[in-house]
Amino acid sequence: MRIGVFSHGWWKKACEILSHDVIDLPVAEHPSGNAYAADLNARIANGAKTAVALADRDIDLLLDNGGTGLGFVRAEEGTDNLKLAHEEAGRPLLSHFIDPLVTALQSLPWPAVWQCLQSQSWVKAIWDRAQVVELQRFGVPEVIHLPMAAQDRSYDTRPLDPSKCMPIVSFVGGHNTSYFAQNVTVPANRLLAGILAQAIRTDLPDMNFYDIYHDVYGLGEPVDPGDLVETKINKTLAYFNAKLFYNASLCIHNRDRFAIFLKRMLGDTFHLVGRGWDTAYGLRTSPRLATADEYLNHFREAAINLNLVNGNAETGLNMRHFEITAAGGFMLCYRQPELKEHFEIGKECVEFDSEVDLLEKIQYYLSHPEERAAIALAGQKRTLSQHLYCHRLQRLLQLAEPKVLPVDRAAYVGT
């Protein structure tokens, strides 16, 4: 199979491992160098480049990370009537999202995003099952569940020598929400949905925001297939605006509370590696690890690698679940609904569900190094055999059956 890969992310190596021919394609440019931040003008410009790159080439499908391959072409020169570049080229586009779709495409006008979502030749592979259900219930076609993974590369597969591990608990990851910063003012009516959702999840932790918002409390009307396009856009915008506080509160619930707690209880035995913790909470941190090798070696050097998902995920795992285990490190992570689908808990990783449980498990595994090393080795074997991006690509190609079909582009917006 010949696959056009937009040169951003990790799919090229996965394609090569599976013996697929790869054609490099350009991503839209942005002054920051962040392809996710590309606005409509940049994506129109890149749509034209993509059309040239695809001309007269035998390519079966297009593949990107986070929608970076999503581009536009003008239906008629000098007009604002836009078409999706991959549809014009007659190729299906497969996008894997590791952030919420609305976050990844936040630089585009929402009417344009909504119309893109209706494309039946664009497969949207989402890492978080709750967000898959959310998009499907909004009526978005071709949405599938595809978890994150570890990158395809060489890993050190020697069993850990516990005597060489630093007797520390390490968390690698940044502080990810500014919602609670002192200079941020949030209207009170933006808080209710998130507070209700967190309240009900205290008793029913597997409930997702969509069901709480629409079915339990009726805070908004769900999208109806018969709604006008403008009505659908307004309903989804209202929903995602209401969800902002919920996502910010998940950062506190899933991540920040444990970092603050462990710094207080363990002091310098707890190492924070990442940005933002000092300015947000006054916690001492170490700078980001400079290279991929340093990053992976760190997981082998720390006795316990804490993994905490940020507020972007309700049920899914982050990339760190797979990176820590691929490197051969011992992972202790907060309970997440999809964890048991990927690892045998207690044998390939360890989970905790409260501050008390966290502290008890840290004390136990610091004093049981051989058991810790055995779990780390089993976790590595699991990830290297099942959770690399080449494995995800195999699954994606099995699940995705995209078709090039007509799309109603009436609400696409121009520049």
Protein backbone atom coordinates (compact mmCIF):
# COMPACT_ATOMS: atom_id res chain seq x y z
CA MET A 1 0.00 0.00 0.00
CA ARG A 2 1.21 3.51 -0.80
CA ILE A 3 0.42 5.98 2.00
CA GLY A 4 0.82 9.73 1.87
CA VAL A 5 2.05 10.81 5.31
CA PHE A 6 1.88 14.44 6.37
CA SER A 7 5.31 15.01 7.87
CA HIS A 8 4.32 15.57 11.47
CA GLY A 9 4.28 12.85 14.10
CA TRP A 10 5.28 9.19 14.10
CA TRP A 11 3.42 7.46 11.27
CA LYS A 12 6.26 7.33 8.77
CA LYS A 13 8.30 4.86 10.83
CA ALA A 14 5.19 2.73 11.52
CA CYS A 15 4.45 2.56 7.78
CA GLU A 16 8.01 1.50 7.00
CA ILE A 17 7.93 -1.28 9.61
CA LEU A 18 4.77 -2.65 7.99
CA SER A 19 6.41 -2.41 4.54
CA HIS A 20 4.07 0.27 3.18
CA ASP A 21 5.49 2.75 0.69
CA VAL A 22 5.54 6.28 2.14
CA ILE A 23 5.12 9.56 0.29
CA ASP A 24 6.05 12.61 2.39
CA LEU A 25 3.49 15.42 2.25
CA PRO A 26 3.80 18.96 3.65
CA VAL A 27 1.85 20.30 6.64
CA ALA A 28 0.48 23.83 6.90
CA GLU A 29 2.97 26.36 8.23
CA HIS A 30 2.65 28.55 11.32
CA PRO A 31 5.19 31.07 12.69
CA SER A 32 5.37 29.12 15.96
CA GLY A 33 6.32 25.94 14.14
CA ASN A 34 3.23 24.28 15.61
CA ALA A 35 1.29 22.61 12.80
CA TYR A 36 -1.83 22.41 14.99
CA ALA A 37 -1.98 26.22 15.13
CA ALA A 38 -2.31 26.63 11.34
CA ASP A 39 -5.25 28.86 10.50
CA LEU A 40 -7.59 28.77 7.51
CA ASN A 41 -5.28 30.79 5.25
CA ALA A 42 -2.37 28.46 5.99
CA ARG A 43 -4.52 25.40 5.33
CA ILE A 44 -5.74 26.85 2.02
CA ALA A 45 -2.11 27.43 1.00
CA ASN A 46 -1.17 23.92 2.06
CA GLY A 47 -4.18 22.46 0.28
CA ALA A 48 -2.75 23.81 -2.97
CA LYS A 49 0.66 22.27 -2.17
CA THR A 50 -0.99 18.96 -1.37
CA ALA A 51 -2.88 18.98 -4.67
CA VAL A 52 0.41 19.42 -6.54
CA ALA A 53 2.11 16.70 -4.48
CA LEU A 54 -0.72 14.24 -5.17
CA ALA A 55 -1.05 14.96 -8.87
CA ASP A 56 -0.45 11.86 -10.99
CA ARG A 57 0.71 9.83 -7.98
CA ASP A 58 -0.68 6.42 -7.15
CA ILE A 59 -1.46 6.89 -3.42
CA ASP A 60 -4.07 4.77 -1.65
CA LEU A 61 -4.75 6.98 1.36
CA LEU A 62 -3.50 9.95 3.38
CA LEU A 63 -2.44 9.77 7.04
CA ASP A 64 -1.76 12.48 9.61
CA ASN A 65 -1.51 13.22 13.30
CA GLY A 66 -4.08 15.58 14.84
CA GLY A 67 -5.69 16.71 11.59
CA THR A 68 -2.53 18.41 10.32
CA GLY A 69 -3.27 17.06 6.84
CA LEU A 70 -6.66 18.76 6.71
CA GLY A 71 -6.46 21.33 3.91
CA PHE A 72 -8.74 23.30 1.61
CA VAL A 73 -8.84 24.31 -2.02
CA ARG A 74 -10.98 26.99 -3.62
CA ALA A 75 -13.88 25.70 -5.67
CA GLU A 76 -13.46 28.69 -7.99
CA GLU A 77 -10.54 31.07 -8.16
CA GLY A 78 -11.25 34.34 -6.38
CA THR A 79 -14.21 32.99 -4.36
CA ASP A 80 -14.62 31.92 -0.74
CA ASN A 81 -16.27 28.61 -1.66
CA LEU A 82 -13.90 25.99 -0.25
CA LYS A 83 -13.58 22.26 -0.69
CA LEU A 84 -11.62 19.70 1.28
CA ALA A 85 -8.28 19.07 -0.42
CA HIS A 86 -8.31 15.30 0.13
CA GLU A 87 -11.79 15.00 -1.40
CA GLU A 88 -10.75 17.00 -4.42
CA ALA A 89 -7.78 14.66 -4.79
CA GLY A 90 -10.08 11.63 -4.45
CA ARG A 91 -8.12 10.16 -1.52
CA PRO A 92 -9.41 9.20 1.92
CA LEU A 93 -7.77 10.97 4.88
CA LEU A 94 -7.11 9.21 8.21
CA SER A 95 -6.34 11.47 11.20
CA HIS A 96 -5.31 10.24 14.64
CA PHE A 97 -6.08 12.65 17.48
CA ILE A 98 -4.23 12.63 20.81
CA ASP A 99 -5.93 15.86 21.90
CA PRO A 100 -9.61 16.76 21.77
CA LEU A 101 -10.58 17.42 18.20
CA VAL A 102 -11.85 20.91 19.00
CA THR A 103 -8.49 21.72 20.62
CA ALA A 104 -6.45 20.44 17.69
CA LEU A 105 -8.53 22.48 15.22
CA GLN A 106 -9.08 25.56 17.40
CA SER A 107 -7.44 27.92 14.89
CA LEU A 108 -10.18 27.20 12.33
CA PRO A 109 -13.62 28.86 12.33
CA TRP A 110 -16.10 26.47 13.92
CA PRO A 111 -18.47 26.49 10.88
CA ALA A 112 -15.56 25.23 8.76
CA VAL A 113 -14.68 22.59 11.36
CA TRP A 114 -18.29 21.42 11.57
CA GLN A 115 -18.55 21.00 7.82
CA CYS A 116 -15.23 19.14 7.74
CA LEU A 117 -16.56 16.77 10.37
CA GLN A 118 -19.36 15.71 8.03
CA SER A 119 -16.87 14.30 5.52
CA GLN A 120 -17.35 10.57 5.07
CA SER A 121 -13.95 10.28 3.43
CA TRP A 122 -12.22 11.68 6.54
CA VAL A 123 -11.72 9.05 9.26
CA LYS A 124 -11.33 10.62 12.70
CA ALA A 125 -9.47 8.21 14.99
CA ILE A 126 -9.84 9.35 18.60
CA TRP A 127 -7.76 8.04 21.52
CA ASP A 128 -10.41 8.58 24.22
CA ARG A 129 -13.53 6.39 24.04
CA ALA A 130 -15.78 8.93 25.78
CA GLN A 131 -14.93 11.46 23.08
CA VAL A 132 -15.62 8.90 20.36
CA VAL A 133 -19.13 8.43 21.75
CA GLU A 134 -19.52 12.19 22.07
CA LEU A 135 -18.74 12.84 18.39
CA GLN A 136 -20.84 9.92 17.22
CA ARG A 137 -23.85 11.23 19.14
CA PHE A 138 -23.35 14.61 17.51
CA GLY A 139 -23.86 12.77 14.21
CA VAL A 140 -20.23 12.93 13.05
CA PRO A 141 -19.51 10.05 10.62
CA GLU A 142 -16.39 7.87 10.40
CA VAL A 143 -15.31 8.25 14.05
CA ILE A 144 -13.36 5.32 15.50
CA HIS A 145 -11.45 4.56 18.70
CA LEU A 146 -7.67 4.27 18.39
CA PRO A 147 -5.57 4.52 21.58
CA MET A 148 -2.18 6.18 21.81
CA ALA A 149 1.00 4.09 21.74
CA ALA A 150 4.79 4.25 21.98
CA GLN A 151 6.88 5.26 19.02
CA ASP A 152 8.61 2.64 16.89
CA ARG A 153 12.30 2.69 17.76
CA SER A 154 14.97 0.63 19.53
CA TYR A 155 14.47 0.19 23.27
CA ASP A 156 16.75 -1.11 26.00
CA THR A 157 15.17 -4.47 26.86
CA ARG A 158 17.60 -5.54 29.59
CA PRO A 159 15.83 -6.31 32.88
CA LEU A 160 16.16 -3.46 35.36
CA ASP A 161 18.85 -3.68 38.00
CA PRO A 162 16.99 -2.24 41.04
CA SER A 163 20.28 -1.40 42.76
CA LYS A 164 20.99 1.15 40.03
CA CYS A 165 17.61 2.91 40.24
CA MET A 166 17.37 6.22 42.05
CA PRO A 167 15.11 5.81 45.12
CA ILE A 168 12.72 8.48 43.94
CA VAL A 169 9.18 8.93 42.66
CA SER A 170 9.26 10.85 39.40
CA PHE A 171 6.53 12.52 37.40
CA VAL A 172 7.35 13.79 33.91
CA GLY A 173 4.69 16.16 32.61
CA GLY A 174 3.67 19.78 32.65
CA HIS A 175 1.00 21.74 34.44
CA ASN A 176 -1.74 22.04 31.81
CA THR A 177 -4.48 24.45 32.84
CA SER A 178 -4.51 28.20 33.36
CA TYR A 179 -8.24 28.17 34.15
CA PHE A 180 -7.62 28.79 37.85
CA ALA A 181 -4.92 31.45 37.46
CA GLN A 182 -5.38 34.54 39.64
CA ASN A 183 -5.80 36.89 36.67
CA VAL A 184 -8.50 34.76 34.97
CA THR A 185 -12.15 35.69 35.50
CA VAL A 186 -14.72 33.07 34.52
CA PRO A 187 -18.48 33.83 34.36
CA ALA A 188 -20.37 31.84 36.99
CA ASN A 189 -22.74 30.39 34.39
CA ARG A 190 -19.77 28.66 32.75
CA LEU A 191 -19.11 26.63 35.92
CA LEU A 192 -22.40 24.83 36.55
CA ALA A 193 -22.06 22.02 34.00
CA GLY A 194 -18.55 21.13 35.13
CA ILE A 195 -19.44 21.21 38.83
CA LEU A 196 -22.46 18.97 38.26
CA ALA A 197 -20.38 16.55 36.20
CA GLN A 198 -17.66 16.27 38.83
CA ALA A 199 -20.28 15.86 41.55
CA ILE A 200 -22.01 12.94 39.85
CA ARG A 201 -18.69 11.31 38.91
CA THR A 202 -17.79 11.21 42.61
CA ASP A 203 -20.41 8.48 42.96
CA LEU A 204 -20.45 7.19 39.36
CA PRO A 205 -16.86 7.57 38.07
CA ASP A 206 -17.59 5.90 34.72
CA MET A 207 -20.18 8.52 33.70
CA ASN A 208 -19.05 10.74 30.83
CA PHE A 209 -19.72 14.44 30.35
CA TYR A 210 -22.00 14.02 27.33
CA ASP A 211 -24.46 11.81 29.21
CA ILE A 212 -24.38 14.04 32.29
CA TYR A 213 -24.90 17.21 30.24
CA HIS A 214 -27.69 15.94 27.99
CA ASP A 215 -29.35 12.95 29.63
CA VAL A 216 -29.02 13.45 33.38
CA TYR A 217 -29.45 17.21 33.78
CA GLY A 218 -30.74 18.33 30.37
CA LEU A 219 -28.47 21.39 30.27
CA GLY A 220 -28.74 21.62 26.50
CA GLU A 221 -30.52 20.08 23.54
CA PRO A 222 -28.65 17.34 21.68
CA VAL A 223 -27.98 17.75 17.98
CA ASP A 224 -30.85 16.42 15.90
CA PRO A 225 -30.15 15.07 12.37
CA GLY A 226 -32.96 17.31 11.10
CA ASP A 227 -31.47 20.52 12.56
CA LEU A 228 -30.29 23.25 10.24
CA VAL A 229 -26.50 23.46 9.93
CA GLU A 230 -26.45 26.74 11.87
CA THR A 231 -28.46 25.14 14.70
CA LYS A 232 -26.07 22.19 14.87
CA ILE A 233 -23.11 24.57 15.03
CA ASN A 234 -24.67 26.61 17.86
CA LYS A 235 -25.57 23.52 19.89
CA THR A 236 -22.10 22.01 19.65
CA LEU A 237 -20.42 25.33 20.43
CA ALA A 238 -22.57 25.73 23.56
CA TYR A 239 -21.70 22.18 24.61
CA PHE A 240 -17.94 22.54 24.21
CA ASN A 241 -17.93 25.94 25.94
CA ALA A 242 -19.76 24.34 28.87
CA LYS A 243 -17.19 21.55 28.93
CA LEU A 244 -14.18 23.87 29.35
CA PHE A 245 -14.47 24.08 33.13
CA TYR A 246 -15.00 20.32 33.34
CA ASN A 247 -11.75 19.71 31.46
CA ALA A 248 -9.92 22.17 33.71
CA SER A 249 -11.32 20.50 36.81
CA LEU A 250 -10.19 17.10 35.47
CA CYS A 251 -6.63 18.49 35.46
CA ILE A 252 -7.01 19.09 39.19
CA HIS A 253 -8.76 15.77 39.82
CA ASN A 254 -6.49 13.53 37.74
CA ARG A 255 -3.11 15.26 38.00
CA ASP A 256 -2.45 18.44 39.98
CA ARG A 257 -3.78 17.26 43.34
CA PHE A 258 -1.32 14.37 43.44
CA ALA A 259 1.67 16.51 42.48
CA ILE A 260 0.86 19.00 45.25
CA PHE A 261 0.23 16.17 47.74
CA LEU A 262 3.46 14.29 47.03
CA LYS A 263 5.62 17.40 47.21
CA ARG A 264 4.19 18.03 50.66
CA MET A 265 4.49 14.45 51.86
CA LEU A 266 7.73 13.30 50.19
CA GLY A 267 9.70 16.50 49.64
CA ASP A 268 12.79 15.93 47.50
CA THR A 269 12.02 12.22 47.13
CA PHE A 270 9.34 13.33 44.66
CA HIS A 271 10.83 14.74 41.44
CA LEU A 272 8.71 16.90 39.12
CA VAL A 273 10.00 17.23 35.57
CA GLY A 274 8.11 19.72 33.43
CA ARG A 275 6.93 23.26 33.00
CA GLY A 276 4.41 25.37 34.91
CA TRP A 277 4.39 23.78 38.37
CA ASP A 278 6.53 26.53 39.89
CA THR A 279 4.36 29.40 38.66
CA ALA A 280 1.05 27.64 39.34
CA TYR A 281 1.75 26.17 42.80
CA GLY A 282 5.26 27.18 43.81
CA LEU A 283 6.52 23.61 43.38
CA ARG A 284 10.19 23.06 42.61
CA THR A 285 10.68 21.40 39.22
CA SER A 286 13.43 20.16 36.95
CA PRO A 287 13.61 21.29 33.29
CA ARG A 288 12.29 19.15 30.47
CA LEU A 289 14.53 16.30 29.38
CA ALA A 290 16.46 17.45 26.32
CA THR A 291 16.53 14.38 24.08
CA ALA A 292 14.45 11.28 23.44
CA ASP A 293 17.24 9.09 24.83
CA GLU A 294 17.41 11.12 28.06
CA TYR A 295 13.63 10.93 28.32
CA LEU A 296 13.49 7.15 27.98
CA ASN A 297 16.55 6.54 30.16
CA HIS A 298 14.92 8.58 32.92
CA PHE A 299 12.10 6.05 33.14
CA ARG A 300 14.64 3.27 33.72
CA GLU A 301 16.60 5.29 36.28
CA ALA A 302 13.69 6.30 38.55
CA ALA A 303 12.46 3.66 40.98
CA ILE A 304 8.82 4.70 40.50
CA ASN A 305 7.42 6.55 37.50
CA LEU A 306 4.16 8.23 38.39
CA ASN A 307 1.78 8.73 35.46
CA LEU A 308 -1.09 11.21 35.67
CA VAL A 309 -3.48 11.93 32.78
CA ASN A 310 -4.39 15.56 32.21
CA GLY A 311 -7.85 17.05 31.75
CA ASN A 312 -8.12 16.26 28.05
CA ALA A 313 -9.13 12.64 28.65
CA GLU A 314 -12.18 11.20 30.36
CA THR A 315 -11.49 7.50 29.84
CA GLY A 316 -8.38 7.11 27.66
CA LEU A 317 -4.68 6.76 28.34
CA ASN A 318 -1.95 9.25 27.54
CA MET A 319 1.22 8.53 25.60
CA ARG A 320 3.21 8.29 28.85
CA HIS A 321 1.48 4.99 29.71
CA PHE A 322 3.13 3.44 26.69
CA GLU A 323 6.42 5.37 26.78
CA ILE A 324 7.24 4.45 30.39
CA THR A 325 6.51 0.79 29.81
CA ALA A 326 8.24 0.67 26.40
CA ALA A 327 11.38 2.05 28.05
CA GLY A 328 11.19 -0.66 30.70
CA GLY A 329 10.32 1.56 33.65
CA PHE A 330 8.04 0.75 36.56
CA MET A 331 4.73 2.64 36.21
CA LEU A 332 2.34 3.67 38.98
CA CYS A 333 -0.69 5.44 37.54
CA TYR A 334 -4.01 6.89 38.59
CA ARG A 335 -7.03 4.75 37.83
CA GLN A 336 -8.31 5.37 34.29
CA PRO A 337 -11.22 3.40 32.77
CA GLU A 338 -9.32 2.17 29.69
CA LEU A 339 -6.19 1.06 31.60
CA LYS A 340 -7.37 -2.53 32.13
CA GLU A 341 -7.92 -2.92 28.38
CA HIS A 342 -4.20 -2.44 27.73
CA PHE A 343 -2.35 -3.79 30.77
CA GLU A 344 -2.79 -6.46 33.42
CA ILE A 345 -2.97 -4.27 36.48
CA GLY A 346 -0.76 -5.47 39.33
CA LYS A 347 1.43 -7.52 36.98
CA GLU A 348 2.38 -5.08 34.17
CA CYS A 349 1.74 -1.78 35.96
CA VAL A 350 0.18 -0.65 39.23
CA GLU A 351 -2.73 1.74 39.74
CA PHE A 352 -3.96 3.83 42.68
CA ASP A 353 -7.25 5.59 43.37
CA SER A 354 -6.64 8.09 46.18
CA GLU A 355 -3.94 9.99 48.06
CA VAL A 356 -3.91 7.36 50.81
CA ASP A 357 -3.63 4.51 48.31
CA LEU A 358 -0.90 6.37 46.40
CA LEU A 359 1.26 6.87 49.48
CA GLU A 360 0.84 3.26 50.59
CA LYS A 361 1.84 1.90 47.19
CA ILE A 362 4.85 4.18 46.94
CA GLN A 363 6.08 2.97 50.33
CA TYR A 364 5.45 -0.66 49.38
CA TYR A 365 7.19 -0.62 46.00
CA LEU A 366 10.16 1.41 47.19
CA SER A 367 10.79 -1.37 49.69
CA HIS A 368 10.14 -4.26 47.22
CA PRO A 369 12.63 -3.60 44.39
CA GLU A 370 12.59 -7.10 42.87
CA GLU A 371 8.80 -7.09 42.57
CA ARG A 372 9.01 -3.64 41.02
CA ALA A 373 11.54 -4.82 38.43
CA ALA A 374 9.41 -7.85 37.51
CA ILE A 375 6.37 -5.65 36.88
CA ALA A 376 8.47 -3.25 34.79
CA LEU A 377 9.75 -6.11 32.61
CA ALA A 378 6.25 -7.54 32.10
CA GLY A 379 4.92 -4.09 31.19
CA GLN A 380 7.68 -3.61 28.64
CA LYS A 381 6.95 -6.96 27.00
CA ARG A 382 3.28 -6.02 26.73
CA THR A 383 3.92 -2.64 25.13
CA LEU A 384 6.61 -3.77 22.70
CA SER A 385 4.40 -6.62 21.51
CA GLN A 386 1.05 -4.79 21.35
CA HIS A 387 1.27 -1.04 21.92
CA LEU A 388 3.64 0.49 19.36
CA TYR A 389 2.39 2.77 16.58
CA CYS A 390 2.97 0.03 14.01
CA HIS A 391 0.37 -2.01 15.93
CA ARG A 392 -2.00 0.96 15.92
CA LEU A 393 -1.52 1.40 12.17
CA GLN A 394 -2.45 -2.24 11.59
CA ARG A 395 -5.61 -1.72 13.60
CA LEU A 396 -6.41 1.60 11.90
CA LEU A 397 -6.22 0.04 8.44
CA GLN A 398 -8.52 -2.77 9.60
CA LEU A 399 -11.11 -0.40 11.06
CA ALA A 400 -11.10 2.36 8.48
CA GLU A 401 -13.18 1.96 5.36
CA PRO A 402 -13.32 5.56 4.16
CA LYS A 403 -15.28 6.45 1.04
CA VAL A 404 -15.10 9.56 -1.09
CA LEU A 405 -18.69 10.81 -1.01
CA PRO A 406 -20.29 14.20 -1.66
CA VAL A 407 -20.27 16.62 1.27
CA ASP A 408 -22.59 19.58 1.86
CA ARG A 409 -20.15 22.48 1.86
CA ALA A 410 -22.75 25.24 2.16
CA ALA A 411 -21.43 26.45 5.52
CA TYR A 412 -17.72 26.39 4.70
CA VAL A 413 -16.25 29.81 5.31
CA GLY A 414 -13.53 31.52 3.41
CA THR A 415 -10.85 33.95 4.44
